[in-house]
Amino acid sequence: MKILFTGGGTAGHIFPIIAIAREIKRIYPEPNLQFFYLGPRDEFSQILLSQEEINVKHVFSGKIRRYFDWKSPFQNLIDVLFKIPLGILQAFFYIFFLAPDLTFSKGGFGSIPAVMASWFLKVPIFLHESDISPGLSNRFLSKFALEVFVSFPKTEYFKPSKIILVGNPIRREILEGSKEEAQKLFKLSGTKPVILILGGSQGAQRINDKILEILPELLKNFEIIHQSGEKNFEEVKAESRVILPEELASFYHLFPFLNEEELKQAYAACDLVVSRAGSGSIFEIAAARKPSILIPLSEAAQNHQFKNAYAYAEKGATIVLEEANFTPHFFLEKLRYLFFRPPSEVRDEAKPQRSEELEKMQKAAEEFSKPLAAQTIASYLIEFLK
């Protein structure tokens, strides 16, 4: 049995593929099971997928840039006239000789060559859409898919007859951390609430900058695990060393990127997550049953991070803080309000407690979560192939 995966190449595409591949192996542990991936060249994806015994092949891919500068019209022309057609041709020959039993696409422009070639060769195609508002590529590719798995109940654009609501696939392993192991791994003091700050796999410079502005004040009340992003790590590290007094430095735990082991322990240890509003992050946070503050990326295509965040906030599981309102001291006061305001029936100011709002957010996150999304998709694909 051969299953071909494809996707755009970012963490939001790759981690769900890994989650589904692992679940298929659990359900169907047969020696003839083979996984392949066809997508754009990306070192991050290459390493992660190869670790899962997924054979990786690269093809040319392009995209339509909807921002306007002097280069984008020429880049779009090159991609549409040359890169995408060449990628489809490469994918056609690869898939022709591979002869997969089905193609599963996680979306993104990087998936266009594999999906189009699969359609030409009559390979069954399944698509997953993470966001409420699909990108241009998935809107186009959904026409060729037998079924479209979606994460949110009110996903836009797709034909209702094609939609299967499952949630966003997450790796079940990231839910297996423990506070004891986390305390050892991060050398946590255990004396303050722990805030986990995530900016996505690439980090988020604007979030980093705002955190650094108030970092000494933050660390007086909180312990911070901060994923800064590989590109920003050295800069954040250098600046934090300058601004932090020695007595607070031990409460700040900075990482360029949290690998799977670190991430699962961070989720176990934290009391609240601060994150962008990508679907993958939202569903991981929900499955981990953590309260959160979401800061949607303002430049996200189709405004999908805003829509994701507010759909999640409707359930009462998060607070949405738009970047225009993400001022350092407002953010700090919001955290203090959540963690040091006693419940209404408790008025002993000497013993501050978690607010009722945090408890409600945690319960709402658990109700929203769909931790079995990867298993559901895996079961569906196996049943289709039997």
Protein backbone atom coordinates (compact mmCIF):
# COMPACT_ATOMS: atom_id res chain seq x y z
CA MET A 1 0.00 0.00 0.00
CA LYS A 2 1.44 3.35 -1.09
CA ILE A 3 0.19 6.67 0.26
CA LEU A 4 1.45 9.94 -1.21
CA PHE A 5 1.37 13.05 0.96
CA THR A 6 1.78 16.59 -0.27
CA GLY A 7 1.63 20.05 1.27
CA GLY A 8 3.03 23.55 1.22
CA GLY A 9 6.14 22.86 3.29
CA THR A 10 5.49 24.91 6.45
CA ALA A 11 5.04 23.38 9.90
CA GLY A 12 1.29 23.87 9.57
CA HIS A 13 1.35 21.41 6.67
CA ILE A 14 4.06 19.03 7.84
CA PHE A 15 3.05 18.27 11.45
CA PRO A 16 -0.50 17.14 10.49
CA ILE A 17 1.00 14.85 7.83
CA ILE A 18 3.28 13.34 10.45
CA ALA A 19 0.34 12.90 12.84
CA ILE A 20 -1.73 11.09 10.19
CA ALA A 21 1.18 8.88 9.08
CA ARG A 22 1.78 7.78 12.68
CA GLU A 23 -1.90 6.92 13.15
CA ILE A 24 -2.01 4.93 9.91
CA LYS A 25 0.97 2.90 11.15
CA ARG A 26 -0.85 2.21 14.41
CA ILE A 27 -4.04 1.12 12.66
CA TYR A 28 -2.42 -0.75 9.80
CA PRO A 29 1.01 -2.07 10.94
CA GLU A 30 1.72 -3.95 7.72
CA PRO A 31 5.19 -4.36 6.13
CA ASN A 32 3.88 -3.37 2.70
CA LEU A 33 2.79 0.08 3.94
CA GLN A 34 4.86 2.84 2.30
CA PHE A 35 4.69 6.63 2.69
CA PHE A 36 5.90 9.22 0.20
CA TYR A 37 5.93 13.01 0.18
CA LEU A 38 6.03 15.26 -2.86
CA GLY A 39 6.39 18.99 -2.35
CA PRO A 40 8.61 22.08 -2.47
CA ARG A 41 12.21 21.93 -1.33
CA ASP A 42 12.47 22.73 2.37
CA GLU A 43 15.16 21.54 4.77
CA PHE A 44 12.85 21.69 7.79
CA SER A 45 10.30 19.40 6.10
CA GLN A 46 13.00 17.09 4.74
CA ILE A 47 14.41 16.39 8.20
CA LEU A 48 11.07 15.90 9.98
CA LEU A 49 9.52 13.69 7.30
CA SER A 50 12.62 11.55 6.86
CA GLN A 51 12.61 10.84 10.61
CA GLU A 52 9.13 9.33 10.11
CA GLU A 53 10.37 7.03 7.30
CA ILE A 54 8.50 9.05 4.70
CA ASN A 55 10.33 9.10 1.37
CA VAL A 56 10.70 12.72 0.26
CA LYS A 57 10.83 13.98 -3.32
CA HIS A 58 11.00 17.65 -4.31
CA VAL A 59 9.38 19.41 -7.26
CA PHE A 60 9.23 23.00 -8.42
CA SER A 61 6.31 25.01 -7.07
CA GLY A 62 5.13 28.58 -7.22
CA LYS A 63 2.53 30.84 -5.68
CA ILE A 64 0.41 33.89 -6.37
CA ARG A 65 1.61 36.85 -4.34
CA ARG A 66 -1.25 39.13 -3.35
CA TYR A 67 0.90 41.84 -1.81
CA PHE A 68 2.07 44.60 -4.12
CA ASP A 69 5.63 45.70 -4.70
CA TRP A 70 7.70 46.14 -7.83
CA LYS A 71 8.86 42.49 -7.85
CA SER A 72 5.65 40.57 -7.21
CA PRO A 73 4.05 40.89 -10.71
CA PHE A 74 7.22 39.48 -12.32
CA GLN A 75 7.55 36.74 -9.71
CA ASN A 76 3.90 35.77 -10.20
CA LEU A 77 4.39 35.64 -13.97
CA ILE A 78 7.45 33.40 -13.66
CA ASP A 79 5.69 31.08 -11.20
CA VAL A 80 2.47 30.76 -13.23
CA LEU A 81 4.12 30.35 -16.64
CA PHE A 82 7.16 28.30 -15.69
CA LYS A 83 7.54 26.98 -12.13
CA ILE A 84 4.04 25.57 -11.60
CA PRO A 85 3.80 23.88 -15.05
CA LEU A 86 7.31 22.45 -14.62
CA GLY A 87 6.39 21.19 -11.16
CA ILE A 88 3.26 19.51 -12.50
CA LEU A 89 5.32 17.82 -15.23
CA GLN A 90 7.89 16.60 -12.66
CA ALA A 91 5.08 15.33 -10.42
CA PHE A 92 3.38 13.58 -13.36
CA PHE A 93 6.39 11.39 -14.12
CA TYR A 94 7.12 10.72 -10.45
CA ILE A 95 3.53 9.67 -9.68
CA PHE A 96 3.25 7.69 -12.93
CA PHE A 97 6.13 5.41 -11.90
CA LEU A 98 5.27 5.43 -8.17
CA ALA A 99 1.60 4.48 -8.74
CA PRO A 100 0.31 5.47 -5.25
CA ASP A 101 -3.03 4.15 -4.01
CA LEU A 102 -4.14 7.63 -2.95
CA THR A 103 -2.87 11.18 -2.54
CA PHE A 104 -3.50 13.12 0.65
CA SER A 105 -2.97 16.88 0.37
CA LYS A 106 -2.52 19.21 3.32
CA GLY A 107 -2.88 22.19 1.03
CA GLY A 108 -0.79 25.21 0.19
CA PHE A 109 0.67 26.20 -3.18
CA GLY A 110 3.35 23.54 -2.80
CA SER A 111 0.68 20.85 -3.14
CA ILE A 112 -0.59 21.95 -6.57
CA PRO A 113 1.86 19.87 -8.69
CA ALA A 114 1.16 16.60 -6.83
CA VAL A 115 -2.62 17.07 -6.75
CA MET A 116 -2.89 18.07 -10.42
CA ALA A 117 -0.66 15.18 -11.54
CA SER A 118 -2.66 12.76 -9.37
CA TRP A 119 -5.88 13.95 -10.97
CA PHE A 120 -4.48 13.50 -14.47
CA LEU A 121 -3.41 9.95 -13.52
CA LYS A 122 -6.75 9.18 -11.79
CA VAL A 123 -5.24 8.69 -8.35
CA PRO A 124 -7.89 9.29 -5.63
CA ILE A 125 -7.31 12.64 -3.89
CA PHE A 126 -8.22 13.68 -0.34
CA LEU A 127 -7.70 17.19 0.98
CA HIS A 128 -7.48 18.70 4.46
CA GLU A 129 -8.18 22.37 5.16
CA SER A 130 -6.95 23.77 8.45
CA ASP A 131 -8.50 27.23 8.45
CA ILE A 132 -12.01 28.66 8.40
CA SER A 133 -11.16 30.62 5.26
CA PRO A 134 -9.34 28.39 2.72
CA GLY A 135 -6.41 29.72 0.74
CA LEU A 136 -6.51 30.07 -3.05
CA SER A 137 -4.75 26.76 -3.62
CA ASN A 138 -7.21 24.68 -1.59
CA ARG A 139 -10.18 26.47 -3.14
CA PHE A 140 -8.86 25.44 -6.52
CA LEU A 141 -7.73 21.92 -5.57
CA SER A 142 -10.97 21.05 -3.77
CA LYS A 143 -12.58 20.62 -7.19
CA PHE A 144 -10.38 17.55 -7.76
CA ALA A 145 -10.74 15.98 -4.30
CA LEU A 146 -13.13 13.18 -3.42
CA GLU A 147 -13.52 14.49 0.14
CA VAL A 148 -12.37 17.60 2.01
CA PHE A 149 -11.59 17.17 5.72
CA VAL A 150 -12.06 20.44 7.63
CA SER A 151 -11.08 21.72 11.06
CA PHE A 152 -13.84 24.24 11.85
CA PRO A 153 -17.62 23.74 11.62
CA LYS A 154 -18.16 26.94 9.63
CA THR A 155 -15.40 26.47 7.05
CA GLU A 156 -16.08 28.68 4.06
CA TYR A 157 -16.29 28.00 0.33
CA PHE A 158 -16.36 24.19 -0.01
CA LYS A 159 -19.39 22.21 -1.16
CA PRO A 160 -21.18 20.81 1.93
CA SER A 161 -21.46 17.42 0.21
CA LYS A 162 -17.66 17.09 0.19
CA ILE A 163 -16.98 18.24 3.75
CA ILE A 164 -16.07 15.93 6.65
CA LEU A 165 -15.55 17.77 9.96
CA VAL A 166 -12.65 16.21 11.88
CA GLY A 167 -10.57 19.04 13.40
CA ASN A 168 -6.91 19.68 12.73
CA PRO A 169 -4.63 16.59 13.08
CA ILE A 170 -2.18 16.86 15.95
CA ARG A 171 0.54 14.50 17.10
CA ARG A 172 -0.86 12.63 20.10
CA GLU A 173 2.65 12.49 21.55
CA ILE A 174 2.59 16.22 22.40
CA LEU A 175 -0.12 15.49 24.97
CA GLU A 176 2.04 13.01 26.88
CA GLY A 177 4.19 15.40 28.91
CA SER A 178 4.20 15.68 32.69
CA LYS A 179 4.80 18.56 35.07
CA GLU A 180 7.50 16.59 36.85
CA GLU A 181 9.47 15.94 33.66
CA ALA A 182 8.91 19.51 32.50
CA GLN A 183 10.29 20.87 35.74
CA LYS A 184 13.47 18.84 35.24
CA LEU A 185 13.82 19.67 31.54
CA PHE A 186 13.33 23.43 31.85
CA LYS A 187 14.67 23.77 35.41
CA LEU A 188 11.45 25.44 36.49
CA SER A 189 11.28 27.00 39.92
CA GLY A 190 7.71 25.89 40.60
CA THR A 191 7.03 29.14 42.46
CA LYS A 192 5.30 31.17 39.72
CA PRO A 193 2.67 30.61 36.99
CA VAL A 194 4.30 29.45 33.74
CA ILE A 195 3.53 31.26 30.48
CA LEU A 196 4.39 29.53 27.18
CA ILE A 197 5.00 31.96 24.30
CA LEU A 198 4.84 30.56 20.77
CA GLY A 199 5.21 32.53 17.56
CA GLY A 200 4.85 29.63 15.15
CA SER A 201 7.69 27.50 13.78
CA GLN A 202 9.41 30.59 12.41
CA GLY A 203 8.87 32.68 15.52
CA ALA A 204 7.31 36.14 15.50
CA GLN A 205 9.58 39.16 15.70
CA ARG A 206 6.83 41.60 16.66
CA ILE A 207 5.74 39.38 19.57
CA ASN A 208 9.36 39.00 20.65
CA ASP A 209 9.87 42.77 20.65
CA LYS A 210 6.81 43.42 22.81
CA ILE A 211 7.78 40.70 25.28
CA LEU A 212 11.30 42.10 25.61
CA GLU A 213 9.91 45.55 26.44
CA ILE A 214 8.31 44.21 29.63
CA LEU A 215 10.39 41.09 30.28
CA PRO A 216 11.78 42.15 33.70
CA GLU A 217 8.28 43.14 34.84
CA LEU A 218 6.83 39.87 33.51
CA LEU A 219 9.36 37.76 35.34
CA LYS A 220 8.52 39.32 38.70
CA ASN A 221 5.21 37.44 38.60
CA PHE A 222 5.64 34.73 35.96
CA GLU A 223 8.06 32.13 34.64
CA ILE A 224 8.42 32.23 30.85
CA ILE A 225 9.12 29.50 28.26
CA HIS A 226 9.66 31.42 25.02
CA GLN A 227 10.03 30.01 21.49
CA SER A 228 11.57 32.94 19.65
CA GLY A 229 12.17 31.39 16.21
CA GLU A 230 15.53 30.38 14.74
CA LYS A 231 16.05 33.69 12.91
CA ASN A 232 15.40 35.81 15.98
CA PHE A 233 17.01 33.67 18.66
CA GLU A 234 20.46 35.27 18.91
CA GLU A 235 19.03 38.78 18.92
CA VAL A 236 16.46 37.97 21.62
CA LYS A 237 19.09 36.11 23.66
CA ALA A 238 21.52 39.03 23.53
CA GLU A 239 18.90 41.62 24.43
CA SER A 240 17.43 39.56 27.27
CA ARG A 241 20.90 39.20 28.82
CA VAL A 242 21.32 42.97 28.80
CA ILE A 243 17.96 43.84 30.35
CA LEU A 244 17.51 41.05 32.90
CA PRO A 245 18.87 41.38 36.42
CA GLU A 246 20.63 38.29 37.70
CA GLU A 247 17.88 37.39 40.18
CA LEU A 248 15.27 37.14 37.36
CA ALA A 249 17.31 35.42 34.65
CA SER A 250 16.57 31.91 35.96
CA PHE A 251 12.83 32.44 35.33
CA TYR A 252 13.32 32.98 31.58
CA HIS A 253 13.72 29.91 29.35
CA LEU A 254 14.45 30.89 25.75
CA PHE A 255 14.50 28.45 22.80
CA PRO A 256 14.84 29.01 19.05
CA PHE A 257 12.42 26.15 18.39
CA LEU A 258 10.74 23.61 20.65
CA ASN A 259 11.18 20.07 19.36
CA GLU A 260 8.51 17.48 20.05
CA GLU A 261 9.90 16.42 23.43
CA GLU A 262 10.33 20.01 24.58
CA LEU A 263 6.92 21.06 23.30
CA LYS A 264 5.03 18.29 25.07
CA GLN A 265 6.73 19.11 28.35
CA ALA A 266 6.11 22.84 27.82
CA TYR A 267 2.39 22.19 27.31
CA ALA A 268 2.34 20.08 30.45
CA ALA A 269 4.08 22.74 32.52
CA CYS A 270 2.39 25.92 31.38
CA ASP A 271 -0.62 27.63 32.88
CA LEU A 272 -1.38 29.73 29.79
CA VAL A 273 -0.21 29.87 26.16
CA VAL A 274 0.43 33.03 24.14
CA SER A 275 0.39 32.20 20.44
CA ARG A 276 -0.37 33.18 16.90
CA ALA A 277 -3.71 31.88 15.63
CA GLY A 278 -2.75 29.25 13.09
CA SER A 279 -5.11 26.30 13.14
CA GLY A 280 -2.37 23.89 14.19
CA SER A 281 -1.54 25.96 17.25
CA ILE A 282 -5.19 26.39 18.22
CA PHE A 283 -5.96 22.68 18.09
CA GLU A 284 -2.79 21.77 19.97
CA ILE A 285 -3.60 24.29 22.70
CA ALA A 286 -7.17 23.03 22.91
CA ALA A 287 -6.09 19.38 23.10
CA ALA A 288 -3.62 20.30 25.85
CA ARG A 289 -6.57 21.95 27.66
CA LYS A 290 -4.75 25.22 28.20
CA PRO A 291 -6.16 28.76 28.46
CA SER A 292 -4.64 31.04 25.86
CA ILE A 293 -4.18 34.52 24.46
CA LEU A 294 -4.14 34.50 20.67
CA ILE A 295 -2.48 37.25 18.63
CA PRO A 296 -3.57 36.78 14.99
CA LEU A 297 -1.03 37.51 12.28
CA SER A 298 -2.42 40.59 10.54
CA GLU A 299 -0.89 39.70 7.15
CA ALA A 300 -2.31 36.15 7.02
CA ALA A 301 -3.98 35.28 3.70
CA GLN A 302 -7.78 35.60 3.61
CA ASN A 303 -7.47 37.03 7.12
CA HIS A 304 -7.69 33.41 8.23
CA GLN A 305 -5.91 33.84 11.56
CA PHE A 306 -8.45 36.45 12.69
CA LYS A 307 -11.31 34.16 11.69
CA ASN A 308 -9.70 31.14 13.38
CA ALA A 309 -9.06 33.09 16.58
CA TYR A 310 -12.53 34.55 16.87
CA ALA A 311 -14.20 31.23 16.07
CA TYR A 312 -12.22 29.71 18.94
CA ALA A 313 -12.96 32.70 21.19
CA GLU A 314 -16.71 32.22 20.58
CA LYS A 315 -16.42 29.02 22.60
CA GLY A 316 -14.91 30.96 25.50
CA ALA A 317 -11.55 29.17 25.27
CA THR A 318 -9.27 32.11 24.52
CA ILE A 319 -8.77 35.85 24.59
CA VAL A 320 -8.03 37.43 21.20
CA LEU A 321 -5.57 40.29 21.31
CA GLU A 322 -5.21 41.94 17.92
CA GLU A 323 -1.76 43.32 17.15
CA ALA A 324 -3.04 46.91 17.21
CA ASN A 325 -4.04 46.33 20.83
CA PHE A 326 -1.00 44.26 21.78
CA THR A 327 0.75 46.91 23.78
CA PRO A 328 3.26 45.61 26.33
CA HIS A 329 1.72 47.05 29.48
CA PHE A 330 -1.86 46.22 28.50
CA PHE A 331 -0.70 42.62 27.93
CA LEU A 332 1.07 42.55 31.30
CA GLU A 333 -1.98 43.86 33.13
CA LYS A 334 -4.17 41.28 31.37
CA LEU A 335 -1.95 38.48 32.66
CA ARG A 336 -1.98 39.90 36.17
CA TYR A 337 -5.76 40.18 36.03
CA LEU A 338 -6.09 36.53 34.98
CA PHE A 339 -3.69 35.09 37.54
CA PHE A 340 -3.86 37.37 40.54
CA ARG A 341 -7.54 38.24 40.77
CA PRO A 342 -9.22 35.96 43.33
CA PRO A 343 -12.55 34.30 42.48
CA SER A 344 -15.62 36.33 43.45
CA GLU A 345 -16.25 34.32 46.60
CA VAL A 346 -12.65 34.73 47.80
CA ARG A 347 -11.45 38.14 48.94
CA ASP A 348 -8.25 37.36 50.78
CA GLU A 349 -5.82 39.60 48.87
CA ALA A 350 -2.90 37.95 50.66
CA LYS A 351 -3.62 34.74 48.78
CA PRO A 352 -4.30 35.59 45.11
CA GLN A 353 -5.70 32.77 42.99
CA ARG A 354 -6.35 31.96 39.34
CA SER A 355 -9.39 33.86 38.08
CA GLU A 356 -12.66 32.14 37.27
CA GLU A 357 -12.05 33.21 33.67
CA LEU A 358 -9.00 30.94 33.43
CA GLU A 359 -10.99 27.98 34.72
CA LYS A 360 -13.74 28.63 32.17
CA MET A 361 -11.22 28.96 29.34
CA GLN A 362 -9.63 25.64 30.28
CA LYS A 363 -12.99 23.87 30.29
CA ALA A 364 -14.01 25.46 26.97
CA ALA A 365 -10.69 24.44 25.38
CA GLU A 366 -11.28 20.83 26.36
CA GLU A 367 -14.82 20.91 24.94
CA PHE A 368 -13.59 22.41 21.65
CA SER A 369 -10.65 20.05 21.22
CA LYS A 370 -10.57 17.22 18.71
CA PRO A 371 -7.48 15.23 19.74
CA LEU A 372 -8.51 12.23 17.61
CA ALA A 373 -8.57 14.12 14.28
CA ALA A 374 -5.47 12.33 12.95
CA GLN A 375 -6.85 8.95 13.97
CA THR A 376 -10.21 9.72 12.32
CA ILE A 377 -8.55 10.66 9.02
CA ALA A 378 -6.23 7.66 9.16
CA SER A 379 -9.16 5.28 9.74
CA TYR A 380 -11.09 6.83 6.85
CA LEU A 381 -8.16 6.46 4.44
CA ILE A 382 -7.49 2.85 5.45
CA GLU A 383 -11.15 1.96 5.02
CA PHE A 384 -11.16 3.58 1.59
CA LEU A 385 -8.21 1.46 0.48
CA LYS A 386 -9.55 -1.87 1.76
